[in-house]
Each structure stands twice: as structure tokens, then as C-alpha cells.
Amino acid sequence: MSVIAWMDSIYEITNAKVVIICLYLNNNVIIDIDECNNTNGGFQQLCTNTFGSYYCSCNTGFNLRHNSFCADVDECSTGTNNCSHKCVNEIGSFHCECFSDEVLSDDRVSCK
């Protein structure tokens, strides 16, 4: 970790991210509060802090709804599953199944 000063601001650099620690303006100090640090911004999945704010996003297999929660994507109803026979939706994912006379191939989507 390293700390740099640029244009009257102090920045902390960690893992290729620049985090603004504080900004000096007219002898006042404005401190950025990391809303994601303690309660994840009140969000259930991914919270990204920005200077003076934050934004929410979702893991793969979920869609952001009303900018406040993540809803499961039903890959079986969207046609994005590529299952050759039967698609079974799971929370955040899906899996393919075959009819009783066939078995799932190594590619996990086709049956043989």
C-alpha cells in the first residue's frame, strides 16, 4: 500500500485501486465515509464505495432490481442455459438433466 498526494488530495493505493482518503478544500477536511465497510451499504451482494457515495451490483446469476436487491435469474426461462433436454433452475445458477434413458455428457449440457 502506498499513499500519494495530488492536487490537494490524499489518495491510498491498494491492489491497483485508488481510494480517496480525504480532500482538502479551503482549510476544511472532507472525509469520505466507506458506506460498504460496515454494513455493505445495506446491500445483500456487492457494494462498491465511491467518493461521497456507493453503488450496488449483483453476482453472476442475479439481476439488480430497483437498485436495492438482487433477484435470481431463471436461466431456464431465458433460454441462456443450452441444456439439450431439461433445465433445472437453482438460486444463482442452473443445471441440466437428461431424460431417464440418457446420461449427461462431460460438457454438462448435452445428453448421450
PDB file of N, CA and C in Angstrom:
ATOM      1  N   MET A   1       0.852  -1.170   0.000  1.00  0.00           N
ATOM      2  CA  MET A   1       0.000   0.000   0.000  1.00  0.00           C
ATOM      3  C   MET A   1       0.893   1.227   0.000  1.00  0.00           C
ATOM      4  N   SER A   2       0.489   2.231  -0.775  1.00  0.00           N
ATOM      5  CA  SER A   2       1.209   3.487  -0.764  1.00  0.00           C
ATOM      6  C   SER A   2       0.212   4.633  -0.741  1.00  0.00           C
ATOM      7  N   VAL A   3       0.685   5.769  -0.262  1.00  0.00           N
ATOM      8  CA  VAL A   3      -0.163   6.952  -0.149  1.00  0.00           C
ATOM      9  C   VAL A   3       0.477   8.051  -0.969  1.00  0.00           C
ATOM     10  N   ILE A   4      -0.326   8.740  -1.785  1.00  0.00           N
ATOM     11  CA  ILE A   4       0.195   9.836  -2.589  1.00  0.00           C
ATOM     12  C   ILE A   4      -0.654  11.074  -2.349  1.00  0.00           C
ATOM     13  N   ALA A   5      -0.068  12.238  -2.605  1.00  0.00           N
ATOM     14  CA  ALA A   5      -0.811  13.493  -2.540  1.00  0.00           C
ATOM     15  C   ALA A   5      -0.810  14.092  -3.934  1.00  0.00           C
ATOM     16  N   TRP A   6      -1.976  14.560  -4.380  1.00  0.00           N
ATOM     17  CA  TRP A   6      -2.098  15.147  -5.707  1.00  0.00           C
ATOM     18  C   TRP A   6      -3.231  16.153  -5.700  1.00  0.00           C
ATOM     19  N   MET A   7      -2.973  17.350  -6.157  1.00  0.00           N
ATOM     20  CA  MET A   7      -3.971  18.419  -6.233  1.00  0.00           C
ATOM     21  C   MET A   7      -4.726  18.586  -4.920  1.00  0.00           C
ATOM     22  N   ASP A   8      -3.998  18.707  -3.838  1.00  0.00           N
ATOM     23  CA  ASP A   8      -4.561  18.919  -2.507  1.00  0.00           C
ATOM     24  C   ASP A   8      -5.429  17.773  -2.015  1.00  0.00           C
ATOM     25  N   SER A   9      -5.268  16.602  -2.573  1.00  0.00           N
ATOM     26  CA  SER A   9      -5.999  15.425  -2.111  1.00  0.00           C
ATOM     27  C   SER A   9      -5.010  14.359  -1.684  1.00  0.00           C
ATOM     28  N   ILE A  10      -5.432  13.499  -0.788  1.00  0.00           N
ATOM     29  CA  ILE A  10      -4.607  12.382  -0.351  1.00  0.00           C
ATOM     30  C   ILE A  10      -5.267  11.105  -0.850  1.00  0.00           C
ATOM     31  N   TYR A  11      -4.482  10.259  -1.499  1.00  0.00           N
ATOM     32  CA  TYR A  11      -5.005   9.019  -2.066  1.00  0.00           C
ATOM     33  C   TYR A  11      -4.264   7.826  -1.486  1.00  0.00           C
ATOM     34  N   GLU A  12      -4.976   6.754  -1.272  1.00  0.00           N
ATOM     35  CA  GLU A  12      -4.371   5.496  -0.840  1.00  0.00           C
ATOM     36  C   GLU A  12      -4.485   4.525  -2.011  1.00  0.00           C
ATOM     37  N   ILE A  13      -3.382   3.887  -2.377  1.00  0.00           N
ATOM     38  CA  ILE A  13      -3.396   2.950  -3.496  1.00  0.00           C
ATOM     39  C   ILE A  13      -3.214   1.545  -2.951  1.00  0.00           C
ATOM     40  N   THR A  14      -4.206   0.688  -3.167  1.00  0.00           N
ATOM     41  CA  THR A  14      -4.140  -0.703  -2.734  1.00  0.00           C
ATOM     42  C   THR A  14      -4.664  -1.589  -3.849  1.00  0.00           C
ATOM     43  N   ASN A  15      -3.923  -2.614  -4.192  1.00  0.00           N
ATOM     44  CA  ASN A  15      -4.353  -3.593  -5.196  1.00  0.00           C
ATOM     45  C   ASN A  15      -4.877  -2.928  -6.467  1.00  0.00           C
ATOM     46  N   ALA A  16      -4.152  -1.966  -6.984  1.00  0.00           N
ATOM     47  CA  ALA A  16      -4.478  -1.266  -8.226  1.00  0.00           C
ATOM     48  C   ALA A  16      -5.771  -0.453  -8.141  1.00  0.00           C
ATOM     49  N   LYS A  17      -6.252  -0.196  -6.939  1.00  0.00           N
ATOM     50  CA  LYS A  17      -7.409   0.673  -6.751  1.00  0.00           C
ATOM     51  C   LYS A  17      -6.934   1.953  -6.082  1.00  0.00           C
ATOM     52  N   VAL A  18      -7.525   3.052  -6.443  1.00  0.00           N
ATOM     53  CA  VAL A  18      -7.222   4.319  -5.786  1.00  0.00           C
ATOM     54  C   VAL A  18      -8.420   4.677  -4.915  1.00  0.00           C
ATOM     55  N   VAL A  19      -8.171   4.837  -3.639  1.00  0.00           N
ATOM     56  CA  VAL A  19      -9.225   5.188  -2.694  1.00  0.00           C
ATOM     57  C   VAL A  19      -8.928   6.576  -2.152  1.00  0.00           C
ATOM     58  N   ILE A  20      -9.855   7.495  -2.319  1.00  0.00           N
ATOM     59  CA  ILE A  20      -9.642   8.843  -1.798  1.00  0.00           C
ATOM     60  C   ILE A  20      -9.865   8.825  -0.295  1.00  0.00           C
ATOM     61  N   ILE A  21      -8.850   9.215   0.445  1.00  0.00           N
ATOM     62  CA  ILE A  21      -8.965   9.256   1.899  1.00  0.00           C
ATOM     63  C   ILE A  21      -9.617  10.565   2.333  1.00  0.00           C
ATOM     64  N   CYS A  22      -9.096  11.691   1.871  1.00  0.00           N
ATOM     65  CA  CYS A  22      -9.730  12.959   2.211  1.00  0.00           C
ATOM     66  C   CYS A  22      -9.329  14.030   1.208  1.00  0.00           C
ATOM     67  N   LEU A  23     -10.134  15.050   1.120  1.00  0.00           N
ATOM     68  CA  LEU A  23      -9.930  16.142   0.189  1.00  0.00           C
ATOM     69  C   LEU A  23      -9.866  17.437   0.990  1.00  0.00           C
ATOM     70  N   TYR A  24      -8.818  18.231   0.755  1.00  0.00           N
ATOM     71  CA  TYR A  24      -8.670  19.495   1.464  1.00  0.00           C
ATOM     72  C   TYR A  24      -9.224  20.616   0.595  1.00  0.00           C
ATOM     73  N   LEU A  25     -10.136  21.395   1.144  1.00  0.00           N
ATOM     74  CA  LEU A  25     -10.751  22.475   0.399  1.00  0.00           C
ATOM     75  C   LEU A  25     -10.970  23.645   1.350  1.00  0.00           C
ATOM     76  N   ASN A  26     -10.313  24.781   1.075  1.00  0.00           N
ATOM     77  CA  ASN A  26     -10.435  25.973   1.917  1.00  0.00           C
ATOM     78  C   ASN A  26     -10.191  25.678   3.392  1.00  0.00           C
ATOM     79  N   ASN A  27      -9.150  24.944   3.680  1.00  0.00           N
ATOM     80  CA  ASN A  27      -8.743  24.579   5.033  1.00  0.00           C
ATOM     81  C   ASN A  27      -9.743  23.682   5.755  1.00  0.00           C
ATOM     82  N   ASN A  28     -10.749  23.189   5.076  1.00  0.00           N
ATOM     83  CA  ASN A  28     -11.679  22.229   5.656  1.00  0.00           C
ATOM     84  C   ASN A  28     -11.301  20.839   5.163  1.00  0.00           C
ATOM     85  N   VAL A  29     -11.589  19.859   5.943  1.00  0.00           N
ATOM     86  CA  VAL A  29     -11.311  18.488   5.543  1.00  0.00           C
ATOM     87  C   VAL A  29     -12.639  17.777   5.314  1.00  0.00           C
ATOM     88  N   ILE A  30     -12.793  17.215   4.126  1.00  0.00           N
ATOM     89  CA  ILE A  30     -13.974  16.414   3.817  1.00  0.00           C
ATOM     90  C   ILE A  30     -13.522  14.961   3.790  1.00  0.00           C
ATOM     91  N   ILE A  31     -14.087  14.149   4.647  1.00  0.00           N
ATOM     92  CA  ILE A  31     -13.675  12.752   4.746  1.00  0.00           C
ATOM     93  C   ILE A  31     -14.722  11.876   4.077  1.00  0.00           C
ATOM     94  N   ASP A  32     -14.251  10.995   3.211  1.00  0.00           N
ATOM     95  CA  ASP A  32     -15.160  10.052   2.559  1.00  0.00           C
ATOM     96  C   ASP A  32     -15.464   8.909   3.511  1.00  0.00           C
ATOM     97  N   ILE A  33     -16.736   8.638   3.722  1.00  0.00           N
ATOM     98  CA  ILE A  33     -17.157   7.506   4.548  1.00  0.00           C
ATOM     99  C   ILE A  33     -17.402   6.326   3.627  1.00  0.00           C
ATOM    100  N   ASP A  34     -16.787   5.209   3.929  1.00  0.00           N
ATOM    101  CA  ASP A  34     -16.975   3.996   3.133  1.00  0.00           C
ATOM    102  C   ASP A  34     -18.260   3.311   3.583  1.00  0.00           C
ATOM    103  N   GLU A  35     -19.344   3.579   2.860  1.00  0.00           N
ATOM    104  CA  GLU A  35     -20.645   3.011   3.219  1.00  0.00           C
ATOM    105  C   GLU A  35     -20.660   1.488   3.116  1.00  0.00           C
ATOM    106  N   CYS A  36     -19.750   0.930   2.348  1.00  0.00           N
ATOM    107  CA  CYS A  36     -19.705  -0.525   2.160  1.00  0.00           C
ATOM    108  C   CYS A  36     -18.935  -1.228   3.269  1.00  0.00           C
ATOM    109  N   ASN A  37     -18.158  -0.481   4.038  1.00  0.00           N
ATOM    110  CA  ASN A  37     -17.242  -1.078   5.006  1.00  0.00           C
ATOM    111  C   ASN A  37     -17.940  -1.863   6.108  1.00  0.00           C
ATOM    112  N   ASN A  38     -18.941  -1.294   6.737  1.00  0.00           N
ATOM    113  CA  ASN A  38     -19.555  -1.942   7.895  1.00  0.00           C
ATOM    114  C   ASN A  38     -20.771  -2.787   7.555  1.00  0.00           C
ATOM    115  N   THR A  39     -21.708  -2.225   6.829  1.00  0.00           N
ATOM    116  CA  THR A  39     -22.963  -2.940   6.575  1.00  0.00           C
ATOM    117  C   THR A  39     -23.155  -3.275   5.107  1.00  0.00           C
ATOM    118  N   ASN A  40     -22.084  -3.189   4.314  1.00  0.00           N
ATOM    119  CA  ASN A  40     -22.164  -3.449   2.877  1.00  0.00           C
ATOM    120  C   ASN A  40     -23.197  -2.530   2.225  1.00  0.00           C
ATOM    121  N   GLY A  41     -23.357  -1.338   2.781  1.00  0.00           N
ATOM    122  CA  GLY A  41     -24.324  -0.385   2.251  1.00  0.00           C
ATOM    123  C   GLY A  41     -25.757  -0.850   2.413  1.00  0.00           C
ATOM    124  N   GLY A  42     -25.973  -1.817   3.306  1.00  0.00           N
ATOM    125  CA  GLY A  42     -27.302  -2.382   3.475  1.00  0.00           C
ATOM    126  C   GLY A  42     -27.687  -3.299   2.336  1.00  0.00           C
ATOM    127  N   PHE A  43     -26.698  -3.672   1.530  1.00  0.00           N
ATOM    128  CA  PHE A  43     -26.969  -4.458   0.332  1.00  0.00           C
ATOM    129  C   PHE A  43     -26.548  -5.895   0.537  1.00  0.00           C
ATOM    130  N   GLN A  44     -27.240  -6.825  -0.111  1.00  0.00           N
ATOM    131  CA  GLN A  44     -27.010  -8.244   0.122  1.00  0.00           C
ATOM    132  C   GLN A  44     -25.845  -8.837  -0.660  1.00  0.00           C
ATOM    133  N   GLN A  45     -25.413  -8.226  -1.768  1.00  0.00           N
ATOM    134  CA  GLN A  45     -24.354  -8.860  -2.547  1.00  0.00           C
ATOM    135  C   GLN A  45     -23.122  -7.974  -2.684  1.00  0.00           C
ATOM    136  N   LEU A  46     -22.980  -7.200  -3.744  1.00  0.00           N
ATOM    137  CA  LEU A  46     -21.760  -6.440  -3.988  1.00  0.00           C
ATOM    138  C   LEU A  46     -21.986  -4.947  -3.796  1.00  0.00           C
ATOM    139  N   CYS A  47     -21.143  -4.334  -2.984  1.00  0.00           N
ATOM    140  CA  CYS A  47     -21.211  -2.901  -2.712  1.00  0.00           C
ATOM    141  C   CYS A  47     -19.859  -2.298  -3.070  1.00  0.00           C
ATOM    142  N   THR A  48     -19.856  -1.243  -3.887  1.00  0.00           N
ATOM    143  CA  THR A  48     -18.619  -0.577  -4.284  1.00  0.00           C
ATOM    144  C   THR A  48     -18.663   0.861  -3.802  1.00  0.00           C
ATOM    145  N   ASN A  49     -17.701   1.231  -2.968  1.00  0.00           N
ATOM    146  CA  ASN A  49     -17.632   2.585  -2.446  1.00  0.00           C
ATOM    147  C   ASN A  49     -17.089   3.524  -3.516  1.00  0.00           C
ATOM    148  N   THR A  50     -17.676   4.709  -3.610  1.00  0.00           N
ATOM    149  CA  THR A  50     -17.155   5.785  -4.445  1.00  0.00           C
ATOM    150  C   THR A  50     -17.047   7.016  -3.558  1.00  0.00           C
ATOM    151  N   PHE A  51     -16.329   8.026  -3.999  1.00  0.00           N
ATOM    152  CA  PHE A  51     -16.171   9.212  -3.172  1.00  0.00           C
ATOM    153  C   PHE A  51     -17.521   9.894  -2.993  1.00  0.00           C
ATOM    154  N   GLY A  52     -17.985   9.937  -1.760  1.00  0.00           N
ATOM    155  CA  GLY A  52     -19.244  10.582  -1.429  1.00  0.00           C
ATOM    156  C   GLY A  52     -20.478   9.737  -1.668  1.00  0.00           C
ATOM    157  N   SER A  53     -20.294   8.496  -2.099  1.00  0.00           N
ATOM    158  CA  SER A  53     -21.448   7.657  -2.381  1.00  0.00           C
ATOM    159  C   SER A  53     -21.018   6.190  -2.471  1.00  0.00           C
ATOM    160  N   TYR A  54     -21.850   5.363  -3.068  1.00  0.00           N
ATOM    161  CA  TYR A  54     -21.555   3.956  -3.328  1.00  0.00           C
ATOM    162  C   TYR A  54     -22.546   3.444  -4.362  1.00  0.00           C
ATOM    163  N   TYR A  55     -22.253   2.280  -4.948  1.00  0.00           N
ATOM    164  CA  TYR A  55     -23.242   1.654  -5.827  1.00  0.00           C
ATOM    165  C   TYR A  55     -23.265   0.156  -5.584  1.00  0.00           C
ATOM    166  N   CYS A  56     -24.386  -0.439  -5.943  1.00  0.00           N
ATOM    167  CA  CYS A  56     -24.618  -1.859  -5.700  1.00  0.00           C
ATOM    168  C   CYS A  56     -24.604  -2.619  -7.013  1.00  0.00           C
ATOM    169  N   SER A  57     -24.178  -3.871  -6.959  1.00  0.00           N
ATOM    170  CA  SER A  57     -24.229  -4.754  -8.119  1.00  0.00           C
ATOM    171  C   SER A  57     -24.442  -6.178  -7.623  1.00  0.00           C
ATOM    172  N   CYS A  58     -24.656  -7.076  -8.556  1.00  0.00           N
ATOM    173  CA  CYS A  58     -25.018  -8.448  -8.202  1.00  0.00           C
ATOM    174  C   CYS A  58     -24.007  -9.449  -8.743  1.00  0.00           C
ATOM    175  N   ASN A  59     -23.955 -10.590  -8.086  1.00  0.00           N
ATOM    176  CA  ASN A  59     -23.127 -11.696  -8.556  1.00  0.00           C
ATOM    177  C   ASN A  59     -23.724 -12.277  -9.832  1.00  0.00           C
ATOM    178  N   THR A  60     -22.928 -13.077 -10.546  1.00  0.00           N
ATOM    179  CA  THR A  60     -23.409 -13.782 -11.726  1.00  0.00           C
ATOM    180  C   THR A  60     -24.614 -14.630 -11.348  1.00  0.00           C
ATOM    181  N   GLY A  61     -25.624 -14.611 -12.199  1.00  0.00           N
ATOM    182  CA  GLY A  61     -26.835 -15.376 -11.939  1.00  0.00           C
ATOM    183  C   GLY A  61     -27.931 -14.578 -11.257  1.00  0.00           C
ATOM    184  N   PHE A  62     -27.671 -13.282 -11.022  1.00  0.00           N
ATOM    185  CA  PHE A  62     -28.647 -12.398 -10.386  1.00  0.00           C
ATOM    186  C   PHE A  62     -28.734 -11.094 -11.168  1.00  0.00           C
ATOM    187  N   ASN A  63     -29.885 -10.432 -11.117  1.00  0.00           N
ATOM    188  CA  ASN A  63     -30.090  -9.109 -11.709  1.00  0.00           C
ATOM    189  C   ASN A  63     -30.439  -8.120 -10.615  1.00  0.00           C
ATOM    190  N   LEU A  64     -29.917  -6.901 -10.756  1.00  0.00           N
ATOM    191  CA  LEU A  64     -30.227  -5.830  -9.811  1.00  0.00           C
ATOM    192  C   LEU A  64     -31.647  -5.320 -10.072  1.00  0.00           C
ATOM    193  N   ARG A  65     -32.454  -5.246  -9.029  1.00  0.00           N
ATOM    194  CA  ARG A  65     -33.833  -4.763  -9.128  1.00  0.00           C
ATOM    195  C   ARG A  65     -33.998  -3.533  -8.241  1.00  0.00           C
ATOM    196  N   HIS A  66     -34.550  -2.493  -8.824  1.00  0.00           N
ATOM    197  CA  HIS A  66     -34.865  -1.250  -8.103  1.00  0.00           C
ATOM    198  C   HIS A  66     -33.643  -0.687  -7.375  1.00  0.00           C
ATOM    199  N   ASN A  67     -32.454  -1.005  -7.881  1.00  0.00           N
ATOM    200  CA  ASN A  67     -31.190  -0.548  -7.286  1.00  0.00           C
ATOM    201  C   ASN A  67     -31.110  -0.851  -5.800  1.00  0.00           C
ATOM    202  N   SER A  68     -31.789  -1.928  -5.365  1.00  0.00           N
ATOM    203  CA  SER A  68     -31.790  -2.216  -3.936  1.00  0.00           C
ATOM    204  C   SER A  68     -31.652  -3.693  -3.581  1.00  0.00           C
ATOM    205  N   PHE A  69     -31.950  -4.605  -4.497  1.00  0.00           N
ATOM    206  CA  PHE A  69     -31.783  -6.023  -4.173  1.00  0.00           C
ATOM    207  C   PHE A  69     -31.488  -6.824  -5.435  1.00  0.00           C
ATOM    208  N   CYS A  70     -30.953  -8.007  -5.243  1.00  0.00           N
ATOM    209  CA  CYS A  70     -30.615  -8.895  -6.354  1.00  0.00           C
ATOM    210  C   CYS A  70     -31.658  -9.997  -6.461  1.00  0.00           C
ATOM    211  N   ALA A  71     -32.155 -10.202  -7.664  1.00  0.00           N
ATOM    212  CA  ALA A  71     -33.143 -11.249  -7.916  1.00  0.00           C
ATOM    213  C   ALA A  71     -32.497 -12.338  -8.764  1.00  0.00           C
ATOM    214  N   ASP A  72     -32.819 -13.565  -8.453  1.00  0.00           N
ATOM    215  CA  ASP A  72     -32.301 -14.704  -9.200  1.00  0.00           C
ATOM    216  C   ASP A  72     -32.742 -14.627 -10.660  1.00  0.00           C
ATOM    217  N   VAL A  73     -31.808 -14.918 -11.571  1.00  0.00           N
ATOM    218  CA  VAL A  73     -32.130 -15.043 -12.988  1.00  0.00           C
ATOM    219  C   VAL A  73     -32.545 -16.486 -13.228  1.00  0.00           C
ATOM    220  N   ASP A  74     -33.698 -16.686 -13.818  1.00  0.00           N
ATOM    221  CA  ASP A  74     -34.146 -18.035 -14.162  1.00  0.00           C
ATOM    222  C   ASP A  74     -33.594 -18.366 -15.545  1.00  0.00           C
ATOM    223  N   GLU A  75     -32.392 -18.956 -15.561  1.00  0.00           N
ATOM    224  CA  GLU A  75     -31.725 -19.277 -16.820  1.00  0.00           C
ATOM    225  C   GLU A  75     -32.538 -20.248 -17.666  1.00  0.00           C
ATOM    226  N   CYS A  76     -33.398 -21.022 -17.034  1.00  0.00           N
ATOM    227  CA  CYS A  76     -34.223 -21.989 -17.764  1.00  0.00           C
ATOM    228  C   CYS A  76     -35.315 -21.301 -18.581  1.00  0.00           C
ATOM    229  N   SER A  77     -35.810 -20.168 -18.114  1.00  0.00           N
ATOM    230  CA  SER A  77     -36.867 -19.472 -18.850  1.00  0.00           C
ATOM    231  C   SER A  77     -36.316 -18.426 -19.812  1.00  0.00           C
ATOM    232  N   THR A  78     -35.048 -18.030 -19.649  1.00  0.00           N
ATOM    233  CA  THR A  78     -34.467 -17.013 -20.529  1.00  0.00           C
ATOM    234  C   THR A  78     -33.853 -17.614 -21.782  1.00  0.00           C
ATOM    235  N   GLY A  79     -33.681 -18.932 -21.823  1.00  0.00           N
ATOM    236  CA  GLY A  79     -33.098 -19.582 -22.993  1.00  0.00           C
ATOM    237  C   GLY A  79     -31.587 -19.477 -23.066  1.00  0.00           C
ATOM    238  N   THR A  80     -30.942 -19.145 -21.978  1.00  0.00           N
ATOM    239  CA  THR A  80     -29.481 -18.991 -21.969  1.00  0.00           C
ATOM    240  C   THR A  80     -28.770 -20.209 -21.398  1.00  0.00           C
ATOM    241  N   ASN A  81     -29.491 -21.299 -21.196  1.00  0.00           N
ATOM    242  CA  ASN A  81     -28.920 -22.445 -20.487  1.00  0.00           C
ATOM    243  C   ASN A  81     -28.247 -23.465 -21.392  1.00  0.00           C
ATOM    244  N   ASN A  82     -28.632 -23.586 -22.655  1.00  0.00           N
ATOM    245  CA  ASN A  82     -28.071 -24.545 -23.619  1.00  0.00           C
ATOM    246  C   ASN A  82     -28.303 -26.005 -23.251  1.00  0.00           C
ATOM    247  N   CYS A  83     -29.180 -26.287 -22.324  1.00  0.00           N
ATOM    248  CA  CYS A  83     -29.465 -27.684 -21.972  1.00  0.00           C
ATOM    249  C   CYS A  83     -30.173 -28.370 -23.141  1.00  0.00           C
ATOM    250  N   SER A  84     -29.720 -29.569 -23.477  1.00  0.00           N
ATOM    251  CA  SER A  84     -30.336 -30.265 -24.609  1.00  0.00           C
ATOM    252  C   SER A  84     -31.671 -30.906 -24.242  1.00  0.00           C
ATOM    253  N   HIS A  85     -31.879 -31.257 -22.973  1.00  0.00           N
ATOM    254  CA  HIS A  85     -33.140 -31.883 -22.574  1.00  0.00           C
ATOM    255  C   HIS A  85     -33.874 -31.075 -21.521  1.00  0.00           C
ATOM    256  N   LYS A  86     -33.418 -31.092 -20.294  1.00  0.00           N
ATOM    257  CA  LYS A  86     -34.150 -30.465 -19.195  1.00  0.00           C
ATOM    258  C   LYS A  86     -33.240 -29.515 -18.418  1.00  0.00           C
ATOM    259  N   CYS A  87     -33.766 -28.333 -18.129  1.00  0.00           N
ATOM    260  CA  CYS A  87     -33.040 -27.336 -17.336  1.00  0.00           C
ATOM    261  C   CYS A  87     -33.697 -27.236 -15.964  1.00  0.00           C
ATOM    262  N   VAL A  88     -32.873 -27.209 -14.919  1.00  0.00           N
ATOM    263  CA  VAL A  88     -33.364 -27.054 -13.552  1.00  0.00           C
ATOM    264  C   VAL A  88     -32.754 -25.770 -12.986  1.00  0.00           C
ATOM    265  N   ASN A  89     -33.611 -24.796 -12.692  1.00  0.00           N
ATOM    266  CA  ASN A  89     -33.123 -23.536 -12.145  1.00  0.00           C
ATOM    267  C   ASN A  89     -32.708 -23.721 -10.687  1.00  0.00           C
ATOM    268  N   GLU A  90     -31.614 -23.053 -10.303  1.00  0.00           N
ATOM    269  CA  GLU A  90     -31.131 -23.020  -8.923  1.00  0.00           C
ATOM    270  C   GLU A  90     -30.917 -21.559  -8.554  1.00  0.00           C
ATOM    271  N   ILE A  91     -30.764 -21.270  -7.297  1.00  0.00           N
ATOM    272  CA  ILE A  91     -30.513 -19.897  -6.866  1.00  0.00           C
ATOM    273  C   ILE A  91     -29.129 -19.475  -7.366  1.00  0.00           C
ATOM    274  N   GLY A  92     -29.099 -18.533  -8.299  1.00  0.00           N
ATOM    275  CA  GLY A  92     -27.853 -18.019  -8.850  1.00  0.00           C
ATOM    276  C   GLY A  92     -27.239 -18.880  -9.931  1.00  0.00           C
ATOM    277  N   SER A  93     -27.900 -19.958 -10.306  1.00  0.00           N
ATOM    278  CA  SER A  93     -27.318 -20.864 -11.292  1.00  0.00           C
ATOM    279  C   SER A  93     -28.403 -21.775 -11.873  1.00  0.00           C
ATOM    280  N   PHE A  94     -27.968 -22.840 -12.526  1.00  0.00           N
ATOM    281  CA  PHE A  94     -28.873 -23.851 -13.065  1.00  0.00           C
ATOM    282  C   PHE A  94     -28.052 -25.112 -13.315  1.00  0.00           C
ATOM    283  N   HIS A  95     -28.727 -26.211 -13.557  1.00  0.00           N
ATOM    284  CA  HIS A  95     -28.041 -27.410 -14.034  1.00  0.00           C
ATOM    285  C   HIS A  95     -28.947 -28.131 -15.019  1.00  0.00           C
ATOM    286  N   CYS A  96     -28.331 -28.944 -15.852  1.00  0.00           N
ATOM    287  CA  CYS A  96     -29.057 -29.690 -16.876  1.00  0.00           C
ATOM    288  C   CYS A  96     -29.265 -31.128 -16.421  1.00  0.00           C
ATOM    289  N   GLU A  97     -30.370 -31.694 -16.849  1.00  0.00           N
ATOM    290  CA  GLU A  97     -30.664 -33.103 -16.593  1.00  0.00           C
ATOM    291  C   GLU A  97     -31.101 -33.755 -17.894  1.00  0.00           C
ATOM    292  N   CYS A  98     -30.991 -35.071 -17.938  1.00  0.00           N
ATOM    293  CA  CYS A  98     -31.386 -35.830 -19.123  1.00  0.00           C
ATOM    294  C   CYS A  98     -32.625 -36.656 -18.827  1.00  0.00           C
ATOM    295  N   PHE A  99     -33.302 -37.060 -19.898  1.00  0.00           N
ATOM    296  CA  PHE A  99     -34.415 -37.994 -19.734  1.00  0.00           C
ATOM    297  C   PHE A  99     -33.855 -39.318 -19.233  1.00  0.00           C
ATOM    298  N   SER A 100     -34.699 -40.175 -18.705  1.00  0.00           N
ATOM    299  CA  SER A 100     -34.264 -41.385 -17.989  1.00  0.00           C
ATOM    300  C   SER A 100     -33.410 -42.345 -18.813  1.00  0.00           C
ATOM    301  N   ASP A 101     -33.515 -42.330 -20.130  1.00  0.00           N
ATOM    302  CA  ASP A 101     -32.749 -43.279 -20.936  1.00  0.00           C
ATOM    303  C   ASP A 101     -31.394 -42.738 -21.382  1.00  0.00           C
ATOM    304  N   GLU A 102     -31.011 -41.528 -20.944  1.00  0.00           N
ATOM    305  CA  GLU A 102     -29.728 -40.938 -21.334  1.00  0.00           C
ATOM    306  C   GLU A 102     -28.996 -40.400 -20.106  1.00  0.00           C
ATOM    307  N   VAL A 103     -27.695 -40.117 -20.306  1.00  0.00           N
ATOM    308  CA  VAL A 103     -26.869 -39.553 -19.227  1.00  0.00           C
ATOM    309  C   VAL A 103     -26.263 -38.235 -19.702  1.00  0.00           C
ATOM    310  N   LEU A 104     -25.923 -37.399 -18.752  1.00  0.00           N
ATOM    311  CA  LEU A 104     -25.338 -36.093 -19.055  1.00  0.00           C
ATOM    312  C   LEU A 104     -23.911 -36.265 -19.562  1.00  0.00           C
ATOM    313  N   SER A 105     -23.581 -35.574 -20.642  1.00  0.00           N
ATOM    314  CA  SER A 105     -22.233 -35.622 -21.216  1.00  0.00           C
ATOM    315  C   SER A 105     -21.268 -34.799 -20.374  1.00  0.00           C
ATOM    316  N   ASP A 106     -19.990 -34.908 -20.698  1.00  0.00           N
ATOM    317  CA  ASP A 106     -18.951 -34.171 -19.973  1.00  0.00           C
ATOM    318  C   ASP A 106     -19.128 -32.655 -20.073  1.00  0.00           C
ATOM    319  N   ASP A 107     -19.781 -32.189 -21.136  1.00  0.00           N
ATOM    320  CA  ASP A 107     -19.980 -30.742 -21.281  1.00  0.00           C
ATOM    321  C   ASP A 107     -21.066 -30.196 -20.343  1.00  0.00           C
ATOM    322  N   ARG A 108     -21.762 -31.088 -19.610  1.00  0.00           N
ATOM    323  CA  ARG A 108     -22.768 -30.772 -18.598  1.00  0.00           C
ATOM    324  C   ARG A 108     -24.041 -30.126 -19.157  1.00  0.00           C
ATOM    325  N   VAL A 109     -24.192 -30.072 -20.494  1.00  0.00           N
ATOM    326  CA  VAL A 109     -25.409 -29.521 -21.091  1.00  0.00           C
ATOM    327  C   VAL A 109     -26.086 -30.475 -22.078  1.00  0.00           C
ATOM    328  N   SER A 110     -25.322 -31.361 -22.698  1.00  0.00           N
ATOM    329  CA  SER A 110     -25.914 -32.289 -23.668  1.00  0.00           C
ATOM    330  C   SER A 110     -26.032 -33.687 -23.060  1.00  0.00           C
ATOM    331  N   CYS A 111     -26.892 -34.484 -23.676  1.00  0.00           N
ATOM    332  CA  CYS A 111     -27.156 -35.837 -23.187  1.00  0.00           C
ATOM    333  C   CYS A 111     -26.712 -36.859 -24.231  1.00  0.00           C
ATOM    334  N   LYS A 112     -26.360 -38.056 -23.756  1.00  0.00           N
ATOM    335  CA  LYS A 112     -25.961 -39.132 -24.682  1.00  0.00           C
ATOM    336  C   LYS A 112     -26.555 -40.447 -24.237  1.00  0.00           C
TER     337      LYS A 112
END
